[in-house]
Amino acid sequence: MNIVHYLNDYAGDTMKSLRFSSKFSALLFIGLFIACATLPKLDVIYKTLPKSAGLEGKALHFNVVDERPTRDIIGPGAKRVFKNFAGNITLIVEKAPHQGSIVGLYGVRELFEQAFRRYLQNRGVRLSPQSKKGMPQLEIAIHDFTLDLPGSSWTARVAYGAEFSHNGRVLIRSYQGEGEKLRISGLTQAHQVMSETFSDTINQLDVGEMLSALLNR
């Protein structure tokens, strides 16, 4: 084989390899796109309360811990619909009717943290990134966050505990909410019932009443 034939053959093989690589990359991209597009996701809309200046300037340090006995978000019945659910939740904050903005994709602990941060700031509370001597502390302990489909209706459960502490004094409250919505089609009612239950339960917390009770003991 002379050098010219060798170079021609090498160039032909290289072009075939490049064409195969390009086709493979395109097929891989399409496959990943389809896989991602078909994975179910859970959208949670948190409806904030109207802003209030009642606690304007009050400093508070807070943190969130996940104390759920199981990390499953989707119950046995809902798993038939939420196949291959990755566990991430899209948080959408709605400050006015039909005026929502996507905040991000979170796990359960981060979802609660983001929602409570907005709740507290809307009450006028100034959040401190660090715990300081003489500053009230708030710890939110998540006890339940579950979506299920036991029959023909979606059900949602949300529960948490709130522990306020200040100079050795402690005040604890528990909150829970449940919701149910008939499944009509797809996942629309699943998003709705979890969003409504989550918002209602988060907003049950009366931070003003708890701070007043704690500081005036």
C-alpha atoms as a PDB file:
ATOM      1  CA  MET A   1       0.000   0.000   0.000  1.00  0.00           C
ATOM      2  CA  ASN A   2       1.465   3.333  -1.001  1.00  0.00           C
ATOM      3  CA  ILE A   3       1.347   6.407   1.255  1.00  0.00           C
ATOM      4  CA  VAL A   4      -1.447   8.087  -0.757  1.00  0.00           C
ATOM      5  CA  HIS A   5      -3.790   5.101  -0.406  1.00  0.00           C
ATOM      6  CA  TYR A   6      -2.955   4.839   3.300  1.00  0.00           C
ATOM      7  CA  LEU A   7      -3.775   8.501   3.933  1.00  0.00           C
ATOM      8  CA  ASN A   8      -7.047   8.223   1.983  1.00  0.00           C
ATOM      9  CA  ASP A   9      -8.094   5.165   3.964  1.00  0.00           C
ATOM     10  CA  TYR A  10      -7.128   6.841   7.255  1.00  0.00           C
ATOM     11  CA  ALA A  11      -9.099   9.961   6.372  1.00  0.00           C
ATOM     12  CA  GLY A  12     -12.148   7.857   5.433  1.00  0.00           C
ATOM     13  CA  ASP A  13     -12.010   5.907   8.704  1.00  0.00           C
ATOM     14  CA  THR A  14     -11.622   9.149  10.675  1.00  0.00           C
ATOM     15  CA  MET A  15     -14.690  10.718   9.018  1.00  0.00           C
ATOM     16  CA  LYS A  16     -16.738   7.573   9.699  1.00  0.00           C
ATOM     17  CA  SER A  17     -15.620   7.668  13.342  1.00  0.00           C
ATOM     18  CA  LEU A  18     -16.556  11.335  13.646  1.00  0.00           C
ATOM     19  CA  ARG A  19     -19.973  10.708  12.038  1.00  0.00           C
ATOM     20  CA  PHE A  20     -20.591   7.812  14.427  1.00  0.00           C
ATOM     21  CA  SER A  21     -19.493   9.914  17.413  1.00  0.00           C
ATOM     22  CA  SER A  22     -21.799  12.772  16.390  1.00  0.00           C
ATOM     23  CA  LYS A  23     -24.759  10.407  15.909  1.00  0.00           C
ATOM     24  CA  PHE A  24     -24.057   8.727  19.246  1.00  0.00           C
ATOM     25  CA  SER A  25     -23.853  12.097  21.050  1.00  0.00           C
ATOM     26  CA  ALA A  26     -27.103  13.234  19.453  1.00  0.00           C
ATOM     27  CA  LEU A  27     -28.884  10.012  20.426  1.00  0.00           C
ATOM     28  CA  LEU A  28     -27.492  10.226  23.958  1.00  0.00           C
ATOM     29  CA  PHE A  29     -28.717  13.827  24.298  1.00  0.00           C
ATOM     30  CA  ILE A  30     -32.173  12.901  22.987  1.00  0.00           C
ATOM     31  CA  GLY A  31     -32.341   9.943  25.364  1.00  0.00           C
ATOM     32  CA  LEU A  32     -31.382  12.072  28.372  1.00  0.00           C
ATOM     33  CA  PHE A  33     -33.860  14.780  27.351  1.00  0.00           C
ATOM     34  CA  ILE A  34     -36.704  12.277  27.064  1.00  0.00           C
ATOM     35  CA  ALA A  35     -35.780  10.662  30.375  1.00  0.00           C
ATOM     36  CA  CYS A  36     -35.709  14.016  32.169  1.00  0.00           C
ATOM     37  CA  ALA A  37     -38.904  15.157  30.513  1.00  0.00           C
ATOM     38  CA  THR A  38     -40.791  12.055  31.633  1.00  0.00           C
ATOM     39  CA  LEU A  39     -39.616  12.107  35.264  1.00  0.00           C
ATOM     40  CA  PRO A  40     -42.490  13.318  37.466  1.00  0.00           C
ATOM     41  CA  LYS A  41     -41.873  16.380  39.609  1.00  0.00           C
ATOM     42  CA  LEU A  42     -43.704  17.925  42.530  1.00  0.00           C
ATOM     43  CA  ASP A  43     -44.504  21.639  42.355  1.00  0.00           C
ATOM     44  CA  VAL A  44     -45.282  23.358  45.655  1.00  0.00           C
ATOM     45  CA  ILE A  45     -46.720  26.871  45.631  1.00  0.00           C
ATOM     46  CA  TYR A  46     -46.224  28.715  48.911  1.00  0.00           C
ATOM     47  CA  LYS A  47     -48.727  31.552  49.305  1.00  0.00           C
ATOM     48  CA  THR A  48     -47.233  34.198  51.564  1.00  0.00           C
ATOM     49  CA  LEU A  49     -49.261  36.192  54.068  1.00  0.00           C
ATOM     50  CA  PRO A  50     -49.591  39.958  53.599  1.00  0.00           C
ATOM     51  CA  LYS A  51     -46.611  41.898  54.935  1.00  0.00           C
ATOM     52  CA  SER A  52     -46.804  43.141  58.508  1.00  0.00           C
ATOM     53  CA  ALA A  53     -44.567  45.485  60.487  1.00  0.00           C
ATOM     54  CA  GLY A  54     -45.739  44.163  63.859  1.00  0.00           C
ATOM     55  CA  LEU A  55     -42.351  42.576  64.579  1.00  0.00           C
ATOM     56  CA  GLU A  56     -40.239  45.112  62.722  1.00  0.00           C
ATOM     57  CA  GLY A  57     -36.651  45.037  63.939  1.00  0.00           C
ATOM     58  CA  LYS A  58     -37.050  41.947  66.154  1.00  0.00           C
ATOM     59  CA  ALA A  59     -33.943  39.778  65.737  1.00  0.00           C
ATOM     60  CA  LEU A  60     -34.216  36.010  65.626  1.00  0.00           C
ATOM     61  CA  HIS A  61     -31.993  33.077  64.783  1.00  0.00           C
ATOM     62  CA  PHE A  62     -33.723  30.052  63.286  1.00  0.00           C
ATOM     63  CA  ASN A  63     -32.858  26.687  61.818  1.00  0.00           C
ATOM     64  CA  VAL A  64     -34.712  23.713  60.394  1.00  0.00           C
ATOM     65  CA  VAL A  65     -34.126  20.031  61.158  1.00  0.00           C
ATOM     66  CA  ASP A  66     -35.703  17.035  59.440  1.00  0.00           C
ATOM     67  CA  GLU A  67     -37.064  14.584  62.032  1.00  0.00           C
ATOM     68  CA  ARG A  68     -39.398  12.585  59.787  1.00  0.00           C
ATOM     69  CA  PRO A  69     -39.368   8.873  60.645  1.00  0.00           C
ATOM     70  CA  THR A  70     -39.094   8.111  56.917  1.00  0.00           C
ATOM     71  CA  ARG A  71     -37.627  10.188  54.106  1.00  0.00           C
ATOM     72  CA  ASP A  72     -40.303   9.077  51.638  1.00  0.00           C
ATOM     73  CA  ILE A  73     -42.309  12.001  50.255  1.00  0.00           C
ATOM     74  CA  ILE A  74     -44.530   9.878  48.015  1.00  0.00           C
ATOM     75  CA  GLY A  75     -46.861   7.357  49.665  1.00  0.00           C
ATOM     76  CA  PRO A  76     -47.494   3.814  48.352  1.00  0.00           C
ATOM     77  CA  GLY A  77     -50.557   4.733  46.295  1.00  0.00           C
ATOM     78  CA  ALA A  78     -48.969   7.827  44.759  1.00  0.00           C
ATOM     79  CA  LYS A  79     -45.897   5.853  43.699  1.00  0.00           C
ATOM     80  CA  ARG A  80     -48.007   4.252  40.966  1.00  0.00           C
ATOM     81  CA  VAL A  81     -48.204   7.696  39.350  1.00  0.00           C
ATOM     82  CA  PHE A  82     -44.959   9.284  40.575  1.00  0.00           C
ATOM     83  CA  LYS A  83     -42.721   6.623  39.089  1.00  0.00           C
ATOM     84  CA  ASN A  84     -38.962   7.256  39.414  1.00  0.00           C
ATOM     85  CA  PHE A  85     -39.582  10.389  41.495  1.00  0.00           C
ATOM     86  CA  ALA A  86     -36.173  11.861  42.323  1.00  0.00           C
ATOM     87  CA  GLY A  87     -37.317  13.561  45.539  1.00  0.00           C
ATOM     88  CA  ASN A  88     -36.722  17.166  44.545  1.00  0.00           C
ATOM     89  CA  ILE A  89     -39.461  19.772  44.832  1.00  0.00           C
ATOM     90  CA  THR A  90     -39.930  22.955  42.847  1.00  0.00           C
ATOM     91  CA  LEU A  91     -40.773  25.841  45.185  1.00  0.00           C
ATOM     92  CA  ILE A  92     -42.918  28.604  43.725  1.00  0.00           C
ATOM     93  CA  VAL A  93     -43.669  31.649  45.894  1.00  0.00           C
ATOM     94  CA  GLU A  94     -46.940  33.448  45.258  1.00  0.00           C
ATOM     95  CA  LYS A  95     -47.163  36.935  46.770  1.00  0.00           C
ATOM     96  CA  ALA A  96     -50.428  37.780  45.024  1.00  0.00           C
ATOM     97  CA  PRO A  97     -53.065  35.662  43.230  1.00  0.00           C
ATOM     98  CA  HIS A  98     -51.628  34.152  40.040  1.00  0.00           C
ATOM     99  CA  GLN A  99     -48.329  36.012  40.549  1.00  0.00           C
ATOM    100  CA  GLY A 100     -45.852  33.298  41.389  1.00  0.00           C
ATOM    101  CA  SER A 101     -42.120  33.078  40.828  1.00  0.00           C
ATOM    102  CA  ILE A 102     -39.938  29.977  40.875  1.00  0.00           C
ATOM    103  CA  VAL A 103     -37.427  30.073  43.724  1.00  0.00           C
ATOM    104  CA  GLY A 104     -35.592  26.841  43.056  1.00  0.00           C
ATOM    105  CA  LEU A 105     -35.409  23.075  43.355  1.00  0.00           C
ATOM    106  CA  TYR A 106     -35.090  21.757  46.922  1.00  0.00           C
ATOM    107  CA  GLY A 107     -35.229  18.794  49.221  1.00  0.00           C
ATOM    108  CA  VAL A 108     -37.779  18.784  52.054  1.00  0.00           C
ATOM    109  CA  ARG A 109     -35.593  20.481  54.691  1.00  0.00           C
ATOM    110  CA  GLU A 110     -34.538  23.243  52.327  1.00  0.00           C
ATOM    111  CA  LEU A 111     -38.144  23.670  51.168  1.00  0.00           C
ATOM    112  CA  PHE A 112     -39.287  24.356  54.741  1.00  0.00           C
ATOM    113  CA  GLU A 113     -36.312  26.631  55.354  1.00  0.00           C
ATOM    114  CA  GLN A 114     -37.060  28.755  52.297  1.00  0.00           C
ATOM    115  CA  ALA A 115     -40.773  29.012  53.127  1.00  0.00           C
ATOM    116  CA  PHE A 116     -40.228  29.910  56.791  1.00  0.00           C
ATOM    117  CA  ARG A 117     -37.579  32.457  55.875  1.00  0.00           C
ATOM    118  CA  ARG A 118     -40.132  34.291  53.758  1.00  0.00           C
ATOM    119  CA  TYR A 119     -42.833  33.898  56.399  1.00  0.00           C
ATOM    120  CA  LEU A 120     -40.649  35.404  59.131  1.00  0.00           C
ATOM    121  CA  GLN A 121     -39.361  38.228  56.968  1.00  0.00           C
ATOM    122  CA  ASN A 122     -42.942  39.092  55.992  1.00  0.00           C
ATOM    123  CA  ARG A 123     -43.703  39.435  59.711  1.00  0.00           C
ATOM    124  CA  GLY A 124     -40.914  42.006  59.949  1.00  0.00           C
ATOM    125  CA  VAL A 125     -38.468  39.703  61.738  1.00  0.00           C
ATOM    126  CA  ARG A 126     -34.770  40.343  61.156  1.00  0.00           C
ATOM    127  CA  LEU A 127     -33.056  36.977  60.719  1.00  0.00           C
ATOM    128  CA  SER A 128     -29.583  36.533  62.132  1.00  0.00           C
ATOM    129  CA  PRO A 129     -27.250  34.049  60.416  1.00  0.00           C
ATOM    130  CA  GLN A 130     -25.628  33.242  63.778  1.00  0.00           C
ATOM    131  CA  SER A 131     -26.906  32.491  67.241  1.00  0.00           C
ATOM    132  CA  LYS A 132     -26.040  35.264  69.691  1.00  0.00           C
ATOM    133  CA  LYS A 133     -26.333  35.555  73.459  1.00  0.00           C
ATOM    134  CA  GLY A 134     -29.677  37.008  74.511  1.00  0.00           C
ATOM    135  CA  MET A 135     -31.232  36.497  71.070  1.00  0.00           C
ATOM    136  CA  PRO A 136     -34.408  34.378  70.748  1.00  0.00           C
ATOM    137  CA  GLN A 137     -33.970  31.095  68.888  1.00  0.00           C
ATOM    138  CA  LEU A 138     -36.477  29.231  66.740  1.00  0.00           C
ATOM    139  CA  GLU A 139     -36.016  25.620  65.659  1.00  0.00           C
ATOM    140  CA  ILE A 140     -38.451  24.047  63.216  1.00  0.00           C
ATOM    141  CA  ALA A 141     -38.563  20.233  63.369  1.00  0.00           C
ATOM    142  CA  ILE A 142     -40.240  18.602  60.355  1.00  0.00           C
ATOM    143  CA  HIS A 143     -42.395  15.629  61.330  1.00  0.00           C
ATOM    144  CA  ASP A 144     -44.320  14.862  58.130  1.00  0.00           C
ATOM    145  CA  PHE A 145     -44.452  15.859  54.472  1.00  0.00           C
ATOM    146  CA  THR A 146     -46.315  13.200  52.501  1.00  0.00           C
ATOM    147  CA  LEU A 147     -48.352  13.008  49.306  1.00  0.00           C
ATOM    148  CA  ASP A 148     -50.417   9.887  48.644  1.00  0.00           C
ATOM    149  CA  LEU A 149     -53.169   8.485  46.452  1.00  0.00           C
ATOM    150  CA  PRO A 150     -54.910   5.819  48.569  1.00  0.00           C
ATOM    151  CA  GLY A 151     -57.967   5.682  46.314  1.00  0.00           C
ATOM    152  CA  SER A 152     -59.424   8.173  43.851  1.00  0.00           C
ATOM    153  CA  SER A 153     -58.286  11.256  45.773  1.00  0.00           C
ATOM    154  CA  TRP A 154     -54.891  12.796  46.441  1.00  0.00           C
ATOM    155  CA  THR A 155     -54.069  13.334  50.106  1.00  0.00           C
ATOM    156  CA  ALA A 156     -51.401  15.561  51.641  1.00  0.00           C
ATOM    157  CA  ARG A 157     -50.012  15.672  55.177  1.00  0.00           C
ATOM    158  CA  VAL A 158     -47.704  18.311  56.636  1.00  0.00           C
ATOM    159  CA  ALA A 159     -46.596  18.488  60.271  1.00  0.00           C
ATOM    160  CA  TYR A 160     -43.837  20.230  62.210  1.00  0.00           C
ATOM    161  CA  GLY A 161     -42.900  21.407  65.679  1.00  0.00           C
ATOM    162  CA  ALA A 162     -41.730  24.917  66.577  1.00  0.00           C
ATOM    163  CA  GLU A 163     -39.431  25.386  69.569  1.00  0.00           C
ATOM    164  CA  PHE A 164     -38.757  28.937  70.735  1.00  0.00           C
ATOM    165  CA  SER A 165     -36.025  29.460  73.335  1.00  0.00           C
ATOM    166  CA  HIS A 166     -34.637  32.532  75.089  1.00  0.00           C
ATOM    167  CA  ASN A 167     -32.357  32.793  78.130  1.00  0.00           C
ATOM    168  CA  GLY A 168     -33.140  29.270  79.266  1.00  0.00           C
ATOM    169  CA  ARG A 169     -36.895  29.528  78.702  1.00  0.00           C
ATOM    170  CA  VAL A 170     -38.486  27.227  76.119  1.00  0.00           C
ATOM    171  CA  LEU A 171     -41.870  27.288  74.408  1.00  0.00           C
ATOM    172  CA  ILE A 172     -42.964  24.444  72.104  1.00  0.00           C
ATOM    173  CA  ARG A 173     -45.903  24.263  69.705  1.00  0.00           C
ATOM    174  CA  SER A 174     -46.975  21.581  67.217  1.00  0.00           C
ATOM    175  CA  TYR A 175     -48.728  22.211  63.913  1.00  0.00           C
ATOM    176  CA  GLN A 176     -50.234  19.874  61.357  1.00  0.00           C
ATOM    177  CA  GLY A 177     -52.425  20.039  58.299  1.00  0.00           C
ATOM    178  CA  GLU A 178     -54.155  17.589  55.997  1.00  0.00           C
ATOM    179  CA  GLY A 179     -55.767  18.033  52.614  1.00  0.00           C
ATOM    180  CA  GLU A 180     -57.657  15.951  50.070  1.00  0.00           C
ATOM    181  CA  LYS A 181     -58.517  16.573  46.432  1.00  0.00           C
ATOM    182  CA  LEU A 182     -60.220  14.310  43.906  1.00  0.00           C
ATOM    183  CA  ARG A 183     -57.901  13.199  41.133  1.00  0.00           C
ATOM    184  CA  ILE A 184     -59.276  14.328  37.782  1.00  0.00           C
ATOM    185  CA  SER A 185     -56.304  13.947  35.471  1.00  0.00           C
ATOM    186  CA  GLY A 186     -52.521  13.863  35.549  1.00  0.00           C
ATOM    187  CA  LEU A 187     -50.717  15.449  38.491  1.00  0.00           C
ATOM    188  CA  THR A 188     -52.533  18.789  38.609  1.00  0.00           C
ATOM    189  CA  GLN A 189     -54.575  18.004  41.713  1.00  0.00           C
ATOM    190  CA  ALA A 190     -51.498  16.504  43.422  1.00  0.00           C
ATOM    191  CA  HIS A 191     -49.630  19.811  43.087  1.00  0.00           C
ATOM    192  CA  GLN A 192     -52.696  21.718  44.254  1.00  0.00           C
ATOM    193  CA  VAL A 193     -53.455  19.717  47.395  1.00  0.00           C
ATOM    194  CA  MET A 194     -49.817  19.685  48.538  1.00  0.00           C
ATOM    195  CA  SER A 195     -49.439  23.415  47.851  1.00  0.00           C
ATOM    196  CA  GLU A 196     -52.595  24.328  49.758  1.00  0.00           C
ATOM    197  CA  THR A 197     -51.779  22.066  52.714  1.00  0.00           C
ATOM    198  CA  PHE A 198     -48.167  23.266  52.878  1.00  0.00           C
ATOM    199  CA  SER A 199     -49.091  26.971  52.754  1.00  0.00           C
ATOM    200  CA  ASP A 200     -51.883  26.650  55.315  1.00  0.00           C
ATOM    201  CA  THR A 201     -49.712  24.697  57.753  1.00  0.00           C
ATOM    202  CA  ILE A 202     -46.681  26.985  57.472  1.00  0.00           C
ATOM    203  CA  ASN A 203     -48.881  30.021  58.027  1.00  0.00           C
ATOM    204  CA  GLN A 204     -50.427  28.498  61.169  1.00  0.00           C
ATOM    205  CA  LEU A 205     -47.342  29.572  63.084  1.00  0.00           C
ATOM    206  CA  ASP A 206     -48.030  32.732  65.073  1.00  0.00           C
ATOM    207  CA  VAL A 207     -44.518  34.002  65.641  1.00  0.00           C
ATOM    208  CA  GLY A 208     -45.771  37.198  67.291  1.00  0.00           C
ATOM    209  CA  GLU A 209     -47.822  35.349  69.908  1.00  0.00           C
ATOM    210  CA  MET A 210     -44.996  32.910  70.652  1.00  0.00           C
ATOM    211  CA  LEU A 211     -42.354  35.605  70.994  1.00  0.00           C
ATOM    212  CA  SER A 212     -44.616  37.630  73.248  1.00  0.00           C
ATOM    213  CA  ALA A 213     -45.387  34.620  75.453  1.00  0.00           C
ATOM    214  CA  LEU A 214     -41.709  33.675  75.640  1.00  0.00           C
ATOM    215  CA  LEU A 215     -40.265  37.123  76.344  1.00  0.00           C
ATOM    216  CA  ASN A 216     -42.919  38.125  78.869  1.00  0.00           C
ATOM    217  CA  ARG A 217     -42.722  34.988  81.018  1.00  0.00           C
END
